[in-house]
Amino acid sequence: MSDSPDQHQPHTLDEWRELAARELRGADPDDLVWATPEGIAVKPVYTRADLADVPAAQLDELPGFEPFVRGPRATMYANRPWTIRQYAGFSTAEESNA
């Protein structure tokens, strides 16, 4: 066995799905997908393929700088163990502002 990182062969998403199904005792791993109040689907695992439609320039952005694709603060609250958020309204931002 080598300690060289280029000796590692990454596993496939299908292999992950099989492993997840075993851990879920046969349940479908797609059941792990959940939606934010705004209707954005959040997957249980992301891969490089999920970045295919993201412009390369955005991948090189850093937190704290416009266009804020990596977050509004340079430290992204790393110096705070938790922050308090308040959700105003009863549905999406668009419906709350209507």
N, C-alpha and C. Protein backbone atom coordinates (compact mmCIF):
# COMPACT_ATOMS: atom_id res chain seq x y z
N MET A 1 0.84 -1.18 0.00
CA MET A 1 0.00 0.00 0.00
C MET A 1 0.88 1.24 0.00
N SER A 2 0.53 2.20 -0.79
CA SER A 2 1.32 3.42 -0.92
C SER A 2 0.61 4.58 -0.24
N ASP A 3 1.39 5.53 0.28
CA ASP A 3 0.82 6.74 0.86
C ASP A 3 0.58 7.81 -0.18
N SER A 4 0.89 7.52 -1.42
CA SER A 4 0.74 8.49 -2.50
C SER A 4 -0.73 8.73 -2.79
N PRO A 5 -1.17 10.02 -2.79
CA PRO A 5 -2.58 10.30 -3.03
C PRO A 5 -3.06 9.90 -4.42
N ASP A 6 -2.16 9.85 -5.42
CA ASP A 6 -2.60 9.51 -6.76
C ASP A 6 -2.81 8.00 -6.92
N GLN A 7 -2.56 7.20 -5.88
CA GLN A 7 -2.83 5.77 -5.93
C GLN A 7 -4.30 5.47 -5.58
N HIS A 8 -4.98 6.43 -5.00
CA HIS A 8 -6.36 6.24 -4.57
C HIS A 8 -7.31 6.36 -5.75
N GLN A 9 -8.20 5.40 -5.87
CA GLN A 9 -9.24 5.45 -6.90
C GLN A 9 -10.54 5.84 -6.21
N PRO A 10 -11.11 6.98 -6.57
CA PRO A 10 -12.34 7.41 -5.91
C PRO A 10 -13.50 6.46 -6.22
N HIS A 11 -14.40 6.36 -5.28
CA HIS A 11 -15.58 5.53 -5.46
C HIS A 11 -16.61 6.28 -6.29
N THR A 12 -17.50 5.53 -6.90
CA THR A 12 -18.52 6.13 -7.75
C THR A 12 -19.75 6.49 -6.92
N LEU A 13 -20.59 7.33 -7.50
CA LEU A 13 -21.84 7.69 -6.84
C LEU A 13 -22.74 6.47 -6.70
N ASP A 14 -22.69 5.57 -7.68
CA ASP A 14 -23.48 4.34 -7.58
C ASP A 14 -23.01 3.48 -6.40
N GLU A 15 -21.70 3.42 -6.19
CA GLU A 15 -21.19 2.68 -5.04
C GLU A 15 -21.67 3.32 -3.73
N TRP A 16 -21.67 4.65 -3.69
CA TRP A 16 -22.17 5.34 -2.50
C TRP A 16 -23.64 5.02 -2.27
N ARG A 17 -24.42 5.03 -3.36
CA ARG A 17 -25.86 4.75 -3.24
C ARG A 17 -26.10 3.34 -2.68
N GLU A 18 -25.31 2.37 -3.14
CA GLU A 18 -25.44 1.00 -2.63
C GLU A 18 -25.11 0.94 -1.14
N LEU A 19 -24.02 1.60 -0.75
CA LEU A 19 -23.61 1.62 0.65
C LEU A 19 -24.66 2.34 1.50
N ALA A 20 -25.15 3.46 1.02
CA ALA A 20 -26.18 4.22 1.75
C ALA A 20 -27.45 3.39 1.90
N ALA A 21 -27.85 2.67 0.86
CA ALA A 21 -29.05 1.84 0.93
C ALA A 21 -28.89 0.74 1.98
N ARG A 22 -27.69 0.16 2.07
CA ARG A 22 -27.45 -0.85 3.11
C ARG A 22 -27.56 -0.23 4.50
N GLU A 23 -26.95 0.95 4.68
CA GLU A 23 -27.01 1.62 5.98
C GLU A 23 -28.44 2.04 6.32
N LEU A 24 -29.22 2.33 5.29
CA LEU A 24 -30.63 2.72 5.49
C LEU A 24 -31.55 1.51 5.53
N ARG A 25 -30.95 0.32 5.58
CA ARG A 25 -31.69 -0.95 5.63
C ARG A 25 -32.66 -1.09 4.45
N GLY A 26 -32.14 -0.78 3.25
CA GLY A 26 -32.92 -0.97 2.04
C GLY A 26 -33.73 0.23 1.59
N ALA A 27 -33.80 1.27 2.40
CA ALA A 27 -34.54 2.47 1.99
C ALA A 27 -33.79 3.16 0.85
N ASP A 28 -34.51 3.93 0.10
CA ASP A 28 -33.94 4.64 -1.04
C ASP A 28 -33.14 5.85 -0.57
N PRO A 29 -31.86 5.96 -0.95
CA PRO A 29 -31.06 7.13 -0.57
C PRO A 29 -31.66 8.45 -1.07
N ASP A 30 -32.50 8.40 -2.10
CA ASP A 30 -33.15 9.62 -2.57
C ASP A 30 -34.09 10.19 -1.51
N ASP A 31 -34.50 9.36 -0.55
CA ASP A 31 -35.35 9.85 0.54
C ASP A 31 -34.60 10.80 1.47
N LEU A 32 -33.27 10.83 1.35
CA LEU A 32 -32.46 11.73 2.18
C LEU A 32 -32.45 13.16 1.64
N VAL A 33 -32.94 13.36 0.43
CA VAL A 33 -33.03 14.71 -0.14
C VAL A 33 -34.13 15.46 0.62
N TRP A 34 -33.82 16.69 1.03
CA TRP A 34 -34.82 17.50 1.71
C TRP A 34 -34.85 18.88 1.06
N ALA A 35 -35.89 19.64 1.34
CA ALA A 35 -36.05 20.95 0.71
C ALA A 35 -36.06 22.05 1.76
N THR A 36 -35.43 23.16 1.42
CA THR A 36 -35.47 24.34 2.28
C THR A 36 -36.86 24.96 2.18
N PRO A 37 -37.21 25.89 3.06
CA PRO A 37 -38.52 26.55 2.95
C PRO A 37 -38.73 27.23 1.59
N GLU A 38 -37.63 27.57 0.93
CA GLU A 38 -37.73 28.21 -0.38
C GLU A 38 -37.87 27.20 -1.52
N GLY A 39 -37.86 25.92 -1.19
CA GLY A 39 -38.03 24.89 -2.21
C GLY A 39 -36.73 24.43 -2.86
N ILE A 40 -35.60 24.76 -2.28
CA ILE A 40 -34.31 24.34 -2.83
C ILE A 40 -33.99 22.94 -2.30
N ALA A 41 -33.77 22.01 -3.22
CA ALA A 41 -33.46 20.63 -2.83
C ALA A 41 -32.02 20.56 -2.32
N VAL A 42 -31.84 19.91 -1.18
CA VAL A 42 -30.52 19.70 -0.59
C VAL A 42 -30.24 18.21 -0.61
N LYS A 43 -29.20 17.84 -1.35
CA LYS A 43 -28.87 16.43 -1.50
C LYS A 43 -28.02 15.96 -0.32
N PRO A 44 -28.00 14.66 -0.05
CA PRO A 44 -27.20 14.15 1.06
C PRO A 44 -25.70 14.14 0.77
N VAL A 45 -25.34 14.15 -0.51
CA VAL A 45 -23.93 14.15 -0.89
C VAL A 45 -23.79 14.88 -2.22
N TYR A 46 -22.69 15.62 -2.33
CA TYR A 46 -22.40 16.35 -3.57
C TYR A 46 -21.06 15.89 -4.12
N THR A 47 -20.93 15.94 -5.44
CA THR A 47 -19.68 15.56 -6.09
C THR A 47 -19.25 16.68 -7.04
N ARG A 48 -18.10 16.49 -7.64
CA ARG A 48 -17.58 17.46 -8.60
C ARG A 48 -18.57 17.70 -9.74
N ALA A 49 -19.34 16.68 -10.10
CA ALA A 49 -20.32 16.80 -11.19
C ALA A 49 -21.36 17.87 -10.87
N ASP A 50 -21.63 18.11 -9.60
CA ASP A 50 -22.60 19.13 -9.22
C ASP A 50 -22.10 20.54 -9.52
N LEU A 51 -20.81 20.68 -9.76
CA LEU A 51 -20.23 21.99 -10.06
C LEU A 51 -20.10 22.24 -11.56
N ALA A 52 -20.53 21.30 -12.37
CA ALA A 52 -20.34 21.40 -13.82
C ALA A 52 -20.95 22.68 -14.41
N ASP A 53 -22.07 23.13 -13.87
CA ASP A 53 -22.72 24.33 -14.40
C ASP A 53 -22.29 25.61 -13.71
N VAL A 54 -21.38 25.53 -12.76
CA VAL A 54 -20.90 26.72 -12.06
C VAL A 54 -19.72 27.30 -12.84
N PRO A 55 -19.78 28.58 -13.21
CA PRO A 55 -18.66 29.18 -13.94
C PRO A 55 -17.36 29.06 -13.14
N ALA A 56 -16.27 28.73 -13.83
CA ALA A 56 -14.98 28.54 -13.18
C ALA A 56 -14.56 29.75 -12.37
N ALA A 57 -14.89 30.96 -12.85
CA ALA A 57 -14.51 32.17 -12.13
C ALA A 57 -15.16 32.21 -10.74
N GLN A 58 -16.36 31.69 -10.62
CA GLN A 58 -17.03 31.68 -9.31
C GLN A 58 -16.39 30.67 -8.36
N LEU A 59 -15.84 29.60 -8.89
CA LEU A 59 -15.20 28.60 -8.04
C LEU A 59 -13.95 29.15 -7.38
N ASP A 60 -13.34 30.16 -7.99
CA ASP A 60 -12.13 30.76 -7.44
C ASP A 60 -12.41 31.93 -6.51
N GLU A 61 -13.68 32.30 -6.35
CA GLU A 61 -14.03 33.41 -5.45
C GLU A 61 -13.73 33.04 -4.01
N LEU A 62 -13.51 34.05 -3.19
CA LEU A 62 -13.24 33.84 -1.78
C LEU A 62 -14.34 34.46 -0.94
N PRO A 63 -14.58 33.94 0.27
CA PRO A 63 -15.62 34.51 1.12
C PRO A 63 -15.31 35.95 1.51
N GLY A 64 -16.37 36.76 1.58
CA GLY A 64 -16.22 38.14 2.02
C GLY A 64 -16.14 39.15 0.89
N PHE A 65 -16.03 38.69 -0.34
CA PHE A 65 -15.91 39.59 -1.49
C PHE A 65 -17.07 39.38 -2.45
N GLU A 66 -17.46 40.47 -3.13
CA GLU A 66 -18.50 40.37 -4.16
C GLU A 66 -18.04 39.38 -5.22
N PRO A 67 -18.92 38.62 -5.76
CA PRO A 67 -20.38 38.61 -5.66
C PRO A 67 -20.91 37.75 -4.51
N PHE A 68 -20.09 37.47 -3.50
CA PHE A 68 -20.48 36.76 -2.28
C PHE A 68 -21.00 35.35 -2.53
N VAL A 69 -20.47 34.67 -3.55
CA VAL A 69 -20.90 33.30 -3.80
C VAL A 69 -20.37 32.34 -2.74
N ARG A 70 -19.35 32.75 -1.99
CA ARG A 70 -18.80 31.91 -0.92
C ARG A 70 -19.18 32.43 0.46
N GLY A 71 -20.05 33.44 0.51
CA GLY A 71 -20.50 33.95 1.80
C GLY A 71 -20.15 35.40 2.00
N PRO A 72 -20.87 36.08 2.90
CA PRO A 72 -20.71 37.51 3.10
C PRO A 72 -19.54 37.90 3.99
N ARG A 73 -18.98 36.98 4.76
CA ARG A 73 -17.91 37.31 5.69
C ARG A 73 -16.66 36.51 5.36
N ALA A 74 -15.50 37.14 5.51
CA ALA A 74 -14.24 36.46 5.21
C ALA A 74 -14.03 35.23 6.09
N THR A 75 -14.40 35.32 7.35
CA THR A 75 -14.21 34.19 8.27
C THR A 75 -15.40 33.26 8.31
N MET A 76 -16.49 33.65 7.67
CA MET A 76 -17.72 32.85 7.65
C MET A 76 -18.10 32.36 9.05
N TYR A 77 -17.97 33.25 10.01
CA TYR A 77 -18.38 32.98 11.39
C TYR A 77 -17.53 31.90 12.07
N ALA A 78 -16.32 31.66 11.57
CA ALA A 78 -15.45 30.65 12.18
C ALA A 78 -15.07 31.05 13.60
N ASN A 79 -15.09 32.35 13.89
CA ASN A 79 -14.74 32.81 15.23
C ASN A 79 -15.96 32.85 16.15
N ARG A 80 -17.12 32.44 15.67
CA ARG A 80 -18.34 32.37 16.48
C ARG A 80 -18.86 30.94 16.42
N PRO A 81 -19.05 30.31 17.57
CA PRO A 81 -19.52 28.92 17.52
C PRO A 81 -20.94 28.78 16.97
N TRP A 82 -21.75 29.83 17.07
CA TRP A 82 -23.09 29.79 16.50
C TRP A 82 -23.60 31.21 16.36
N THR A 83 -24.55 31.39 15.49
CA THR A 83 -25.17 32.70 15.31
C THR A 83 -26.68 32.54 15.39
N ILE A 84 -27.37 33.61 15.71
CA ILE A 84 -28.82 33.59 15.82
C ILE A 84 -29.40 34.15 14.54
N ARG A 85 -30.39 33.46 14.00
CA ARG A 85 -31.07 33.91 12.79
C ARG A 85 -32.56 33.98 13.08
N GLN A 86 -33.22 34.92 12.47
CA GLN A 86 -34.66 35.02 12.61
C GLN A 86 -35.27 34.94 11.22
N TYR A 87 -36.29 34.12 11.10
CA TYR A 87 -36.97 33.99 9.82
C TYR A 87 -38.24 34.82 9.89
N ALA A 88 -38.32 35.82 9.02
CA ALA A 88 -39.49 36.69 8.99
C ALA A 88 -40.43 36.24 7.89
N GLY A 89 -41.70 36.19 8.17
CA GLY A 89 -42.68 35.79 7.16
C GLY A 89 -43.12 34.36 7.35
N PHE A 90 -43.98 33.94 6.47
CA PHE A 90 -44.57 32.62 6.61
C PHE A 90 -44.24 31.68 5.46
N SER A 91 -43.52 32.16 4.46
CA SER A 91 -43.23 31.30 3.33
C SER A 91 -41.91 31.73 2.72
N THR A 92 -41.88 31.91 1.42
CA THR A 92 -40.65 32.31 0.74
C THR A 92 -40.44 33.81 0.91
N ALA A 93 -39.23 34.26 0.60
CA ALA A 93 -38.93 35.69 0.68
C ALA A 93 -39.84 36.48 -0.25
N GLU A 94 -40.09 35.94 -1.45
CA GLU A 94 -40.94 36.64 -2.40
C GLU A 94 -42.35 36.81 -1.85
N GLU A 95 -42.90 35.74 -1.26
CA GLU A 95 -44.25 35.82 -0.72
C GLU A 95 -44.31 36.71 0.52
N SER A 96 -43.26 36.70 1.33
CA SER A 96 -43.23 37.55 2.52
C SER A 96 -43.16 39.02 2.15
N ASN A 97 -42.48 39.33 1.05
CA ASN A 97 -42.32 40.73 0.63
C ASN A 97 -43.48 41.22 -0.22
N ALA A 98 -44.41 40.36 -0.56
CA ALA A 98 -45.53 40.76 -1.43
C ALA A 98 -46.48 41.70 -0.72
